[in-house]
Amino acid sequence: MALKLYYHPFSSYCQKALVALYENAVPFEPHILAGPDSPAFRELAERWPMKRFPMLVDGERTVIEASCVIEYVGLCAPGPVRLIPEDPRAALEVRMMDRFFDNYVSTPQQRIVTNALRPEDARDPYGVVEARNMLDTAYAWLDQVMAHREWAAGEHFSLADCGAAPFLFYADWTHPIGDAYPNVSAYRGRLLERPSFARAVNEARPYRKLFPLGAPDRD
């Protein structure tokens, strides 16, 4: 039975899961969430009342959260690219970096975007300043880490890079990385050149008009 993935191509967390699937050419049945009234969205809501995505369905099993989707696929459909190392210490480094990108890059980036979607009288300028400060702190820390690494957790592409790719992609649109963090910029460039992420980026191009801050004319 084919894996079913409920997702939207423009979602950073969905792209995180897609990169993992594309890395190992894992076959899946796409269920694109084309709005709350779409059949795919209704099916998602029945299985997962939080209505967050991506969601993976494998028979009777439902797997939520992008990191868990990637781990599950690695267990049930392993491929040549091992995204979580077998060595426990190396795996811990991968998971730590995965949490870094989720919590300190994606979260503040989405906070800024969410604020832009609110009515003007409900916006939170102070929260946006806090989010931008967190992104600057995250960029500075990551710039030091990536000075001696090709990928997020070392020499090998991993779960952490699956998330770093879309999160840094959109973070740079939201709060530019710029010349102050050359190692982060170079790492983002390597991620964009990775075929699995390049595919996800291209599949999402038709939706760029949805970016509330205005998608830049690049990437």
Protein backbone atom coordinates (compact mmCIF):
# COMPACT_ATOMS: atom_id res chain seq x y z
CA MET A 1 0.00 0.00 0.00
CA ALA A 2 1.41 3.39 -1.02
CA LEU A 3 2.25 6.02 1.54
CA LYS A 4 -0.13 8.99 1.41
CA LEU A 5 1.22 12.46 2.06
CA TYR A 6 -1.17 15.32 2.87
CA TYR A 7 0.66 18.57 2.18
CA HIS A 8 0.84 21.93 0.48
CA PRO A 9 3.83 22.56 -1.82
CA PHE A 10 4.47 26.08 -0.49
CA SER A 11 4.61 25.06 3.18
CA SER A 12 8.10 24.99 4.64
CA TYR A 13 7.31 22.05 6.92
CA CYS A 14 5.83 20.13 3.99
CA GLN A 15 8.94 20.86 1.96
CA LYS A 16 10.99 19.47 4.82
CA ALA A 17 9.20 16.13 4.46
CA LEU A 18 9.30 16.27 0.66
CA VAL A 19 13.08 16.71 0.65
CA ALA A 20 13.45 13.49 2.65
CA LEU A 21 11.10 11.60 0.33
CA TYR A 22 12.86 12.91 -2.78
CA GLU A 23 16.32 12.14 -1.39
CA ASN A 24 15.53 8.43 -1.43
CA ALA A 25 13.00 8.40 -4.27
CA VAL A 26 10.32 7.09 -1.89
CA PRO A 27 7.04 6.59 -3.79
CA PHE A 28 3.99 8.25 -2.25
CA GLU A 29 0.47 9.24 -3.15
CA PRO A 30 0.18 13.06 -3.08
CA HIS A 31 -2.86 14.63 -1.44
CA ILE A 32 -2.50 18.38 -1.95
CA LEU A 33 -4.39 20.55 0.51
CA ALA A 34 -6.17 22.97 -1.81
CA GLY A 35 -8.06 24.92 0.84
CA PRO A 36 -10.23 23.91 3.83
CA ASP A 37 -13.06 22.69 1.61
CA SER A 38 -10.90 20.38 -0.48
CA PRO A 39 -11.34 16.60 -0.08
CA ALA A 40 -7.72 16.24 1.05
CA PHE A 41 -8.15 18.84 3.80
CA ARG A 42 -11.35 17.21 5.05
CA GLU A 43 -9.58 13.86 5.23
CA LEU A 44 -6.69 15.45 7.12
CA ALA A 45 -9.07 17.08 9.62
CA GLU A 46 -10.81 13.76 10.28
CA ARG A 47 -7.52 12.09 11.17
CA TRP A 48 -5.82 15.06 12.86
CA PRO A 49 -8.08 17.66 14.50
CA MET A 50 -5.16 20.11 14.85
CA LYS A 51 -5.30 20.39 11.03
CA ARG A 52 -1.55 20.88 10.79
CA PHE A 53 0.51 19.44 7.99
CA PRO A 54 2.29 17.52 6.60
CA MET A 55 0.54 14.33 7.61
CA LEU A 56 1.60 10.89 6.43
CA VAL A 57 -0.80 7.95 6.24
CA ASP A 58 0.43 4.37 5.96
CA GLY A 59 -2.58 2.07 6.05
CA GLU A 60 -4.18 2.58 9.45
CA ARG A 61 -1.21 4.48 10.86
CA THR A 62 -1.16 8.29 10.88
CA VAL A 63 2.15 10.09 11.36
CA ILE A 64 2.20 13.80 12.22
CA GLU A 65 5.00 16.39 12.40
CA ALA A 66 7.62 16.63 9.65
CA SER A 67 10.52 15.28 11.72
CA CYS A 68 8.47 12.25 12.73
CA VAL A 69 7.36 11.71 9.13
CA ILE A 70 11.02 11.65 8.07
CA GLU A 71 11.97 9.23 10.85
CA TYR A 72 9.04 6.97 10.01
CA VAL A 73 9.89 6.88 6.31
CA GLY A 74 13.47 6.02 7.22
CA LEU A 75 12.19 3.01 9.15
CA CYS A 76 9.56 1.73 6.71
CA ALA A 77 11.16 2.70 3.38
CA PRO A 78 14.92 3.12 3.93
CA GLY A 79 17.01 4.23 0.98
CA PRO A 80 20.65 4.93 0.15
CA VAL A 81 20.67 8.33 1.92
CA ARG A 82 20.55 7.65 5.66
CA LEU A 83 19.07 10.84 7.15
CA ILE A 84 19.53 9.78 10.78
CA PRO A 85 22.88 8.17 11.57
CA GLU A 86 23.02 4.74 13.16
CA ASP A 87 25.55 5.93 15.73
CA PRO A 88 23.56 7.34 18.70
CA ARG A 89 25.93 10.27 19.31
CA ALA A 90 25.87 11.33 15.67
CA ALA A 91 22.09 10.91 15.64
CA LEU A 92 21.83 13.18 18.68
CA GLU A 93 23.75 15.92 16.85
CA VAL A 94 21.38 15.59 13.89
CA ARG A 95 18.30 15.83 16.11
CA MET A 96 19.76 18.78 18.03
CA MET A 97 20.37 20.70 14.82
CA ASP A 98 16.90 19.74 13.60
CA ARG A 99 15.40 21.29 16.72
CA PHE A 100 17.57 24.39 16.26
CA PHE A 101 16.19 25.04 12.79
CA ASP A 102 12.62 24.36 13.90
CA ASN A 103 12.69 26.51 17.03
CA TYR A 104 15.12 29.33 16.26
CA VAL A 105 14.81 29.82 12.50
CA SER A 106 11.37 28.62 11.44
CA THR A 107 9.45 29.76 14.53
CA PRO A 108 10.56 33.43 14.49
CA GLN A 109 10.30 33.55 10.69
CA GLN A 110 6.71 32.33 10.82
CA ARG A 111 5.94 34.74 13.63
CA ILE A 112 6.84 37.64 11.33
CA VAL A 113 4.81 36.22 8.44
CA THR A 114 1.80 35.48 10.65
CA ASN A 115 1.88 39.05 11.94
CA ALA A 116 1.71 40.35 8.37
CA LEU A 117 -1.43 38.28 7.77
CA ARG A 118 -3.30 39.84 10.70
CA PRO A 119 -5.57 42.87 10.45
CA GLU A 120 -3.54 46.01 11.03
CA ASP A 121 -5.15 46.72 14.40
CA ALA A 122 -4.23 43.22 15.65
CA ARG A 123 -0.56 43.28 14.73
CA ASP A 124 2.28 42.94 17.23
CA PRO A 125 5.23 45.20 16.30
CA TYR A 126 7.13 44.30 19.48
CA GLY A 127 6.75 40.60 18.72
CA VAL A 128 8.17 41.19 15.24
CA VAL A 129 11.21 42.97 16.73
CA GLU A 130 11.74 40.03 19.08
CA ALA A 131 11.48 37.59 16.19
CA ARG A 132 13.99 39.53 14.08
CA ASN A 133 16.40 39.65 17.02
CA MET A 134 16.09 35.90 17.44
CA LEU A 135 16.82 35.37 13.75
CA ASP A 136 19.93 37.55 14.01
CA THR A 137 21.09 35.54 17.01
CA ALA A 138 20.37 32.28 15.20
CA TYR A 139 22.23 33.43 12.08
CA ALA A 140 25.26 34.47 14.14
CA TRP A 141 25.42 31.15 15.99
CA LEU A 142 24.90 29.12 12.82
CA ASP A 143 27.56 31.13 10.98
CA GLN A 144 30.13 29.93 13.51
CA VAL A 145 28.90 26.34 13.34
CA MET A 146 28.95 26.22 9.54
CA ALA A 147 32.46 27.63 9.30
CA HIS A 148 33.78 24.06 9.46
CA ARG A 149 30.85 22.01 8.17
CA GLU A 150 29.41 21.24 4.76
CA TRP A 151 26.04 20.12 6.14
CA ALA A 152 24.21 20.96 9.34
CA ALA A 153 25.50 18.05 11.40
CA GLY A 154 28.83 17.46 9.65
CA GLU A 155 29.90 15.75 6.44
CA HIS A 156 26.64 14.04 5.53
CA PHE A 157 23.24 15.38 4.46
CA SER A 158 20.71 14.55 7.18
CA LEU A 159 17.32 15.16 8.74
CA ALA A 160 18.64 18.53 9.96
CA ASP A 161 19.34 19.67 6.41
CA CYS A 162 15.85 18.63 5.29
CA GLY A 163 14.47 21.29 7.62
CA ALA A 164 17.26 23.81 7.20
CA ALA A 165 16.62 24.00 3.45
CA PRO A 166 13.08 25.46 3.48
CA PHE A 167 13.50 27.27 6.80
CA LEU A 168 16.58 29.23 5.68
CA PHE A 169 15.02 29.69 2.24
CA TYR A 170 12.00 31.54 3.66
CA ALA A 171 13.94 33.14 6.53
CA ASP A 172 16.15 34.94 4.03
CA TRP A 173 13.03 36.24 2.28
CA THR A 174 11.67 37.45 5.62
CA HIS A 175 14.82 38.73 7.36
CA PRO A 176 17.74 38.73 4.88
CA ILE A 177 20.86 36.86 5.91
CA GLY A 178 23.06 39.27 3.98
CA ASP A 179 26.84 39.57 3.92
CA ALA A 180 27.16 39.56 7.71
CA TYR A 181 26.80 35.78 7.83
CA PRO A 182 28.77 34.41 4.85
CA ASN A 183 28.83 30.81 6.07
CA VAL A 184 25.05 30.77 6.46
CA SER A 185 24.62 32.28 2.99
CA ALA A 186 26.98 29.71 1.49
CA TYR A 187 25.16 26.88 3.26
CA ARG A 188 21.80 28.15 2.00
CA GLY A 189 23.28 28.16 -1.48
CA ARG A 190 24.38 24.53 -1.15
CA LEU A 191 20.91 23.58 -0.02
CA LEU A 192 19.35 25.29 -3.04
CA GLU A 193 21.66 23.25 -5.29
CA ARG A 194 20.61 19.96 -3.70
CA PRO A 195 18.37 18.24 -6.30
CA SER A 196 15.77 17.16 -3.74
CA PHE A 197 15.26 20.70 -2.46
CA ALA A 198 15.54 22.27 -5.91
CA ARG A 199 12.62 20.05 -6.92
CA ALA A 200 10.55 21.17 -3.93
CA VAL A 201 11.32 24.83 -4.67
CA ASN A 202 10.29 24.46 -8.31
CA GLU A 203 7.05 22.71 -7.40
CA ALA A 204 6.19 25.61 -5.10
CA ARG A 205 6.88 28.40 -7.62
CA PRO A 206 3.22 28.77 -8.71
CA TYR A 207 2.29 29.70 -5.12
CA ARG A 208 4.80 32.50 -4.52
CA LYS A 209 2.09 35.13 -4.76
CA LEU A 210 0.81 33.77 -1.44
CA PHE A 211 3.87 35.03 0.48
CA PRO A 212 2.44 37.98 2.45
CA LEU A 213 5.69 39.96 2.60
CA GLY A 214 6.16 39.71 -1.15
CA ALA A 215 8.41 37.04 -2.63
CA PRO A 216 11.73 38.50 -3.82
CA ASP A 217 12.64 38.20 -7.49
CA ARG A 218 15.36 35.59 -6.89
CA ASP A 219 15.91 31.96 -5.90
